[in-house]
């Protein structure tokens, strides 16, 4: 039996990401080990913007290797789980929102995997 299509549409994805205040940010250490931490986030058009403290481990990692992963989810109940994972190369943004002690970055929402369990029709 084929799996049900539970991927978010583009409009659903933008609405979901736009409602998030935090993402789990994944960066890469110099040896390639993934490192994760929470980062404040906001949607700007079709770009996911996030911030990390200037000079932090994550900031150093992004400056050295801009490949990042940002994940967001919500799970009020099993059949309401929704989430999205975006991969991209972080680009610096002016530190306007949070002040000079923060480095602000953005990735386009071009490489995203999403899911919305509310779309599951065959609930057992």
N, C-alpha and C. Protein backbone atom coordinates (compact mmCIF):
# COMPACT_ATOMS: atom_id res chain seq x y z
N UNK A 1 0.85 -1.17 0.00
CA UNK A 1 0.00 0.00 0.00
C UNK A 1 0.89 1.24 0.00
N UNK A 2 0.69 2.16 -0.94
CA UNK A 2 1.54 3.35 -0.99
C UNK A 2 1.29 4.26 0.21
N UNK A 3 2.31 4.99 0.57
CA UNK A 3 2.18 5.94 1.68
C UNK A 3 1.33 7.13 1.28
N UNK A 4 0.65 7.67 2.25
CA UNK A 4 -0.15 8.88 2.01
C UNK A 4 0.77 10.07 1.84
N UNK A 5 0.35 11.02 1.03
CA UNK A 5 1.10 12.26 0.85
C UNK A 5 0.80 13.19 2.02
N UNK A 6 1.80 13.42 2.87
CA UNK A 6 1.58 14.29 4.02
C UNK A 6 2.54 15.49 4.00
N UNK A 7 3.16 15.72 2.86
CA UNK A 7 4.04 16.87 2.72
C UNK A 7 3.22 18.15 2.70
N UNK A 8 3.74 19.20 3.30
CA UNK A 8 3.06 20.50 3.28
C UNK A 8 3.16 21.12 1.89
N UNK A 9 2.11 21.83 1.49
CA UNK A 9 2.19 22.64 0.28
C UNK A 9 3.12 23.82 0.57
N UNK A 10 3.50 24.55 -0.45
CA UNK A 10 4.37 25.72 -0.25
C UNK A 10 3.71 26.73 0.69
N UNK A 11 2.42 27.00 0.47
CA UNK A 11 1.71 27.96 1.33
C UNK A 11 1.63 27.45 2.77
N UNK A 12 1.37 26.15 2.95
CA UNK A 12 1.32 25.58 4.29
C UNK A 12 2.69 25.67 4.96
N UNK A 13 3.74 25.38 4.19
CA UNK A 13 5.10 25.46 4.72
C UNK A 13 5.43 26.87 5.18
N UNK A 14 5.13 27.85 4.35
CA UNK A 14 5.44 29.24 4.71
C UNK A 14 4.64 29.67 5.94
N UNK A 15 3.39 29.27 6.04
CA UNK A 15 2.58 29.60 7.22
C UNK A 15 3.16 28.92 8.46
N UNK A 16 3.55 27.66 8.34
CA UNK A 16 4.11 26.93 9.47
C UNK A 16 5.43 27.55 9.92
N UNK A 17 6.35 27.75 8.99
CA UNK A 17 7.65 28.32 9.35
C UNK A 17 7.47 29.74 9.88
N UNK A 18 6.56 30.49 9.30
CA UNK A 18 6.31 31.85 9.76
C UNK A 18 5.79 31.94 11.18
N UNK A 19 5.19 30.87 11.67
CA UNK A 19 4.65 30.85 13.04
C UNK A 19 5.70 30.42 14.07
N UNK A 20 6.86 29.97 13.61
CA UNK A 20 7.89 29.48 14.53
C UNK A 20 8.71 30.64 15.09
N UNK A 21 9.05 30.53 16.36
CA UNK A 21 9.93 31.53 16.98
C UNK A 21 11.32 30.98 17.22
N UNK A 22 11.47 29.66 17.18
CA UNK A 22 12.74 29.00 17.42
C UNK A 22 12.93 27.87 16.43
N UNK A 23 14.18 27.59 16.08
CA UNK A 23 14.52 26.41 15.29
C UNK A 23 15.67 25.68 15.97
N UNK A 24 15.74 24.39 15.72
CA UNK A 24 16.92 23.62 16.10
C UNK A 24 17.91 23.81 14.95
N UNK A 25 19.02 24.44 15.26
CA UNK A 25 20.03 24.78 14.26
C UNK A 25 21.14 23.74 14.30
N UNK A 26 21.45 23.19 13.15
CA UNK A 26 22.57 22.26 13.04
C UNK A 26 23.70 22.89 12.27
N UNK A 27 24.90 22.86 12.84
CA UNK A 27 26.11 23.34 12.17
C UNK A 27 27.13 22.21 12.20
N UNK A 28 28.27 22.43 11.54
CA UNK A 28 29.31 21.41 11.49
C UNK A 28 30.58 21.89 12.16
N UNK A 29 31.09 21.05 13.07
CA UNK A 29 32.39 21.33 13.67
C UNK A 29 33.49 21.13 12.62
N UNK A 30 34.72 21.61 12.89
CA UNK A 30 35.80 21.47 11.92
C UNK A 30 36.04 20.02 11.46
N UNK A 31 35.78 19.04 12.34
CA UNK A 31 35.99 17.64 11.95
C UNK A 31 34.77 17.02 11.27
N UNK A 32 33.72 17.84 11.03
CA UNK A 32 32.52 17.37 10.35
C UNK A 32 31.43 16.86 11.27
N UNK A 33 31.68 16.87 12.57
CA UNK A 33 30.68 16.43 13.54
C UNK A 33 29.53 17.43 13.58
N UNK A 34 28.28 16.97 13.46
CA UNK A 34 27.16 17.90 13.57
C UNK A 34 26.95 18.35 15.02
N UNK A 35 26.59 19.61 15.17
CA UNK A 35 26.33 20.21 16.47
C UNK A 35 24.98 20.91 16.39
N UNK A 36 24.15 20.75 17.41
CA UNK A 36 22.84 21.37 17.40
C UNK A 36 22.61 22.29 18.59
N UNK A 37 21.82 23.32 18.34
CA UNK A 37 21.41 24.23 19.41
C UNK A 37 20.16 24.97 18.97
N UNK A 38 19.46 25.55 19.90
CA UNK A 38 18.27 26.34 19.57
C UNK A 38 18.68 27.74 19.15
N UNK A 39 17.93 28.28 18.19
CA UNK A 39 18.20 29.64 17.71
C UNK A 39 16.88 30.36 17.46
N UNK A 40 16.79 31.63 17.84
CA UNK A 40 15.58 32.39 17.50
C UNK A 40 15.48 32.55 15.99
N UNK A 41 14.26 32.50 15.48
CA UNK A 41 14.07 32.51 14.03
C UNK A 41 12.86 33.35 13.64
N UNK A 42 12.90 33.80 12.39
CA UNK A 42 11.80 34.55 11.81
C UNK A 42 11.81 34.30 10.30
N UNK A 43 10.63 34.34 9.70
CA UNK A 43 10.52 34.17 8.26
C UNK A 43 10.55 35.55 7.61
N UNK A 44 11.37 35.71 6.58
CA UNK A 44 11.45 36.95 5.80
C UNK A 44 11.20 36.58 4.35
N UNK A 45 9.96 36.75 3.90
CA UNK A 45 9.60 36.31 2.55
C UNK A 45 9.68 34.80 2.48
N UNK A 46 10.61 34.29 1.68
CA UNK A 46 10.82 32.85 1.58
C UNK A 46 12.21 32.48 2.07
N UNK A 47 12.71 33.26 3.01
CA UNK A 47 14.01 32.99 3.63
C UNK A 47 13.81 32.82 5.13
N UNK A 48 14.43 31.79 5.68
CA UNK A 48 14.39 31.55 7.10
C UNK A 48 15.59 32.25 7.72
N UNK A 49 15.31 33.17 8.63
CA UNK A 49 16.37 33.95 9.28
C UNK A 49 16.51 33.47 10.72
N UNK A 50 17.74 33.34 11.17
CA UNK A 50 18.01 32.89 12.53
C UNK A 50 19.21 33.66 13.06
N UNK A 51 19.39 33.61 14.36
CA UNK A 51 20.48 34.36 15.00
C UNK A 51 21.20 33.49 16.01
N UNK A 52 22.48 33.75 16.15
CA UNK A 52 23.30 33.08 17.17
C UNK A 52 24.17 34.15 17.83
N UNK A 53 24.56 33.94 19.08
CA UNK A 53 25.42 34.93 19.72
C UNK A 53 26.74 35.10 18.96
N UNK A 54 27.12 36.33 18.74
CA UNK A 54 28.37 36.62 18.03
C UNK A 54 29.53 35.98 18.79
N UNK A 55 30.39 35.29 18.07
CA UNK A 55 31.54 34.64 18.67
C UNK A 55 31.25 33.30 19.34
N UNK A 56 30.00 32.83 19.24
CA UNK A 56 29.64 31.54 19.83
C UNK A 56 30.19 30.39 18.97
N UNK A 57 30.09 29.21 19.50
CA UNK A 57 30.52 28.02 18.77
C UNK A 57 29.79 27.92 17.42
N UNK A 58 28.47 28.13 17.45
CA UNK A 58 27.67 28.06 16.21
C UNK A 58 28.10 29.16 15.24
N UNK A 59 28.34 30.35 15.73
CA UNK A 59 28.77 31.46 14.88
C UNK A 59 30.11 31.12 14.21
N UNK A 60 31.04 30.61 14.99
CA UNK A 60 32.33 30.21 14.43
C UNK A 60 32.16 29.13 13.37
N UNK A 61 31.30 28.13 13.66
CA UNK A 61 31.08 27.06 12.70
C UNK A 61 30.50 27.58 11.39
N UNK A 62 29.51 28.47 11.47
CA UNK A 62 28.87 28.99 10.26
C UNK A 62 29.85 29.83 9.45
N UNK A 63 30.66 30.63 10.11
CA UNK A 63 31.64 31.45 9.39
C UNK A 63 32.66 30.58 8.66
N UNK A 64 32.99 29.42 9.25
CA UNK A 64 33.96 28.52 8.63
C UNK A 64 33.31 27.67 7.55
N UNK A 65 32.09 27.19 7.81
CA UNK A 65 31.37 26.31 6.88
C UNK A 65 29.90 26.69 6.95
N UNK A 66 29.38 27.40 5.94
CA UNK A 66 28.02 27.94 6.02
C UNK A 66 26.90 26.92 5.83
N UNK A 67 27.22 25.65 5.65
CA UNK A 67 26.16 24.65 5.50
C UNK A 67 25.47 24.43 6.84
N UNK A 68 24.15 24.65 6.85
CA UNK A 68 23.37 24.51 8.07
C UNK A 68 22.09 23.72 7.79
N UNK A 69 21.49 23.30 8.87
CA UNK A 69 20.19 22.64 8.85
C UNK A 69 19.34 23.31 9.93
N UNK A 70 18.10 23.64 9.61
CA UNK A 70 17.19 24.23 10.58
C UNK A 70 15.93 23.36 10.63
N UNK A 71 15.57 22.94 11.83
CA UNK A 71 14.39 22.09 12.00
C UNK A 71 13.41 22.74 12.97
N UNK A 72 12.14 22.62 12.63
CA UNK A 72 11.07 23.11 13.50
C UNK A 72 9.96 22.08 13.51
N UNK A 73 9.34 21.91 14.66
CA UNK A 73 8.22 20.98 14.74
C UNK A 73 7.26 21.41 15.83
N UNK A 74 6.08 20.83 15.77
CA UNK A 74 5.10 21.01 16.84
C UNK A 74 4.33 19.71 16.94
N UNK A 75 3.91 19.39 18.16
CA UNK A 75 3.32 18.06 18.37
C UNK A 75 2.29 18.09 19.49
N UNK A 76 1.16 18.76 19.25
CA UNK A 76 0.12 18.77 20.28
C UNK A 76 -0.43 17.37 20.57
N UNK A 77 -0.50 16.52 19.55
CA UNK A 77 -0.89 15.12 19.70
C UNK A 77 -0.32 14.37 18.49
N UNK A 78 -0.36 13.04 18.53
CA UNK A 78 0.27 12.27 17.46
C UNK A 78 -0.24 12.67 16.08
N UNK A 79 -1.54 12.77 15.90
CA UNK A 79 -2.08 13.08 14.58
C UNK A 79 -2.11 14.58 14.28
N UNK A 80 -1.39 15.35 15.07
CA UNK A 80 -1.24 16.78 14.79
C UNK A 80 0.24 17.18 14.66
N UNK A 81 1.12 16.18 14.62
CA UNK A 81 2.56 16.49 14.48
C UNK A 81 2.80 17.12 13.13
N UNK A 82 3.54 18.22 13.16
CA UNK A 82 3.97 18.89 11.93
C UNK A 82 5.43 19.26 12.09
N UNK A 83 6.14 19.28 10.97
CA UNK A 83 7.53 19.67 11.05
C UNK A 83 8.11 19.98 9.70
N UNK A 84 9.23 20.66 9.73
CA UNK A 84 9.96 21.00 8.51
C UNK A 84 11.44 21.05 8.83
N UNK A 85 12.23 20.58 7.88
CA UNK A 85 13.68 20.63 7.99
C UNK A 85 14.21 21.29 6.73
N UNK A 86 14.95 22.38 6.91
CA UNK A 86 15.51 23.13 5.79
C UNK A 86 17.03 23.04 5.81
N UNK A 87 17.61 22.78 4.67
CA UNK A 87 19.07 22.75 4.51
C UNK A 87 19.47 23.90 3.60
N UNK A 88 20.62 24.47 3.87
CA UNK A 88 21.09 25.53 2.99
C UNK A 88 22.43 26.08 3.43
N UNK A 89 22.89 27.05 2.69
CA UNK A 89 24.13 27.76 3.02
C UNK A 89 23.74 29.10 3.62
N UNK A 90 24.13 29.29 4.86
CA UNK A 90 23.77 30.51 5.58
C UNK A 90 24.47 31.72 4.97
N UNK A 91 23.71 32.77 4.83
CA UNK A 91 24.24 34.05 4.36
C UNK A 91 24.04 35.07 5.47
N UNK A 92 25.05 35.89 5.71
CA UNK A 92 24.98 36.89 6.77
C UNK A 92 23.93 37.94 6.45
N UNK A 93 23.28 38.40 7.51
CA UNK A 93 22.31 39.50 7.42
C UNK A 93 22.76 40.59 8.38
N UNK A 94 22.38 41.83 8.11
CA UNK A 94 22.71 42.89 9.08
C UNK A 94 22.07 42.58 10.43
N UNK A 95 22.79 42.82 11.51
CA UNK A 95 22.27 42.56 12.87
C UNK A 95 21.34 43.70 13.28
N UNK A 96 20.12 43.63 12.82
CA UNK A 96 19.16 44.70 13.08
C UNK A 96 18.15 44.32 14.17
N UNK A 97 17.69 43.07 14.14
CA UNK A 97 16.61 42.66 15.04
C UNK A 97 17.05 42.56 16.48
N UNK A 98 18.19 41.92 16.72
CA UNK A 98 18.56 41.56 18.08
C UNK A 98 19.74 42.36 18.64
N UNK A 99 20.39 43.14 17.82
CA UNK A 99 21.49 43.96 18.32
C UNK A 99 22.86 43.42 17.94
N UNK A 100 23.90 44.19 18.25
CA UNK A 100 25.25 43.87 17.79
C UNK A 100 25.88 42.63 18.43
N UNK A 101 25.32 42.15 19.52
CA UNK A 101 25.90 40.96 20.15
C UNK A 101 25.43 39.66 19.48
N UNK A 102 24.62 39.80 18.44
CA UNK A 102 24.10 38.65 17.71
C UNK A 102 24.58 38.67 16.26
N UNK A 103 24.84 37.50 15.71
CA UNK A 103 25.08 37.35 14.28
C UNK A 103 23.79 36.81 13.67
N UNK A 104 23.32 37.47 12.65
CA UNK A 104 22.08 37.05 12.01
C UNK A 104 22.39 36.44 10.65
N UNK A 105 21.70 35.35 10.34
CA UNK A 105 21.93 34.57 9.14
C UNK A 105 20.60 34.23 8.49
N UNK A 106 20.63 33.84 7.23
CA UNK A 106 19.42 33.43 6.52
C UNK A 106 19.74 32.33 5.53
N UNK A 107 18.76 31.46 5.32
CA UNK A 107 18.84 30.47 4.25
C UNK A 107 17.54 30.52 3.45
N UNK A 108 17.64 30.30 2.15
CA UNK A 108 16.41 30.22 1.34
C UNK A 108 15.70 28.91 1.64
N UNK A 109 14.40 28.90 1.48
CA UNK A 109 13.61 27.68 1.70
C UNK A 109 13.51 26.91 0.38
N UNK A 110 14.68 26.55 -0.17
CA UNK A 110 14.74 25.82 -1.44
C UNK A 110 14.85 24.31 -1.24
N UNK A 111 15.49 23.89 -0.16
CA UNK A 111 15.73 22.48 0.12
C UNK A 111 15.07 22.14 1.45
N UNK A 112 13.78 21.79 1.39
CA UNK A 112 12.98 21.58 2.61
C UNK A 112 12.25 20.24 2.52
N UNK A 113 12.27 19.53 3.62
CA UNK A 113 11.43 18.35 3.79
C UNK A 113 10.41 18.69 4.87
N UNK A 114 9.14 18.42 4.59
CA UNK A 114 8.10 18.76 5.57
C UNK A 114 7.12 17.61 5.71
N UNK A 115 6.38 17.65 6.81
CA UNK A 115 5.36 16.64 7.04
C UNK A 115 4.27 17.23 7.93
N UNK A 116 3.05 16.76 7.71
CA UNK A 116 1.89 17.22 8.47
C UNK A 116 0.99 16.02 8.72
N UNK A 117 1.06 15.47 9.93
CA UNK A 117 0.30 14.27 10.26
C UNK A 117 -1.22 14.53 10.25
N UNK A 118 -1.61 15.80 10.25
CA UNK A 118 -3.05 16.08 10.17
C UNK A 118 -3.62 15.61 8.84
N UNK A 119 -2.74 15.39 7.85
CA UNK A 119 -3.18 14.92 6.53
C UNK A 119 -3.36 13.41 6.46
N UNK A 120 -2.98 12.69 7.50
CA UNK A 120 -3.13 11.23 7.52
C UNK A 120 -4.62 10.91 7.51
N UNK A 121 -5.05 10.16 6.50
CA UNK A 121 -6.45 9.80 6.36
C UNK A 121 -6.76 8.46 7.02
N UNK A 122 -5.81 7.54 6.92
CA UNK A 122 -6.04 6.17 7.39
C UNK A 122 -5.55 6.03 8.82
N UNK A 123 -6.27 6.61 9.77
CA UNK A 123 -5.91 6.56 11.18
C UNK A 123 -6.47 5.28 11.79
N UNK A 124 -5.63 4.52 12.41
CA UNK A 124 -6.06 3.25 12.99
C UNK A 124 -6.57 3.45 14.38
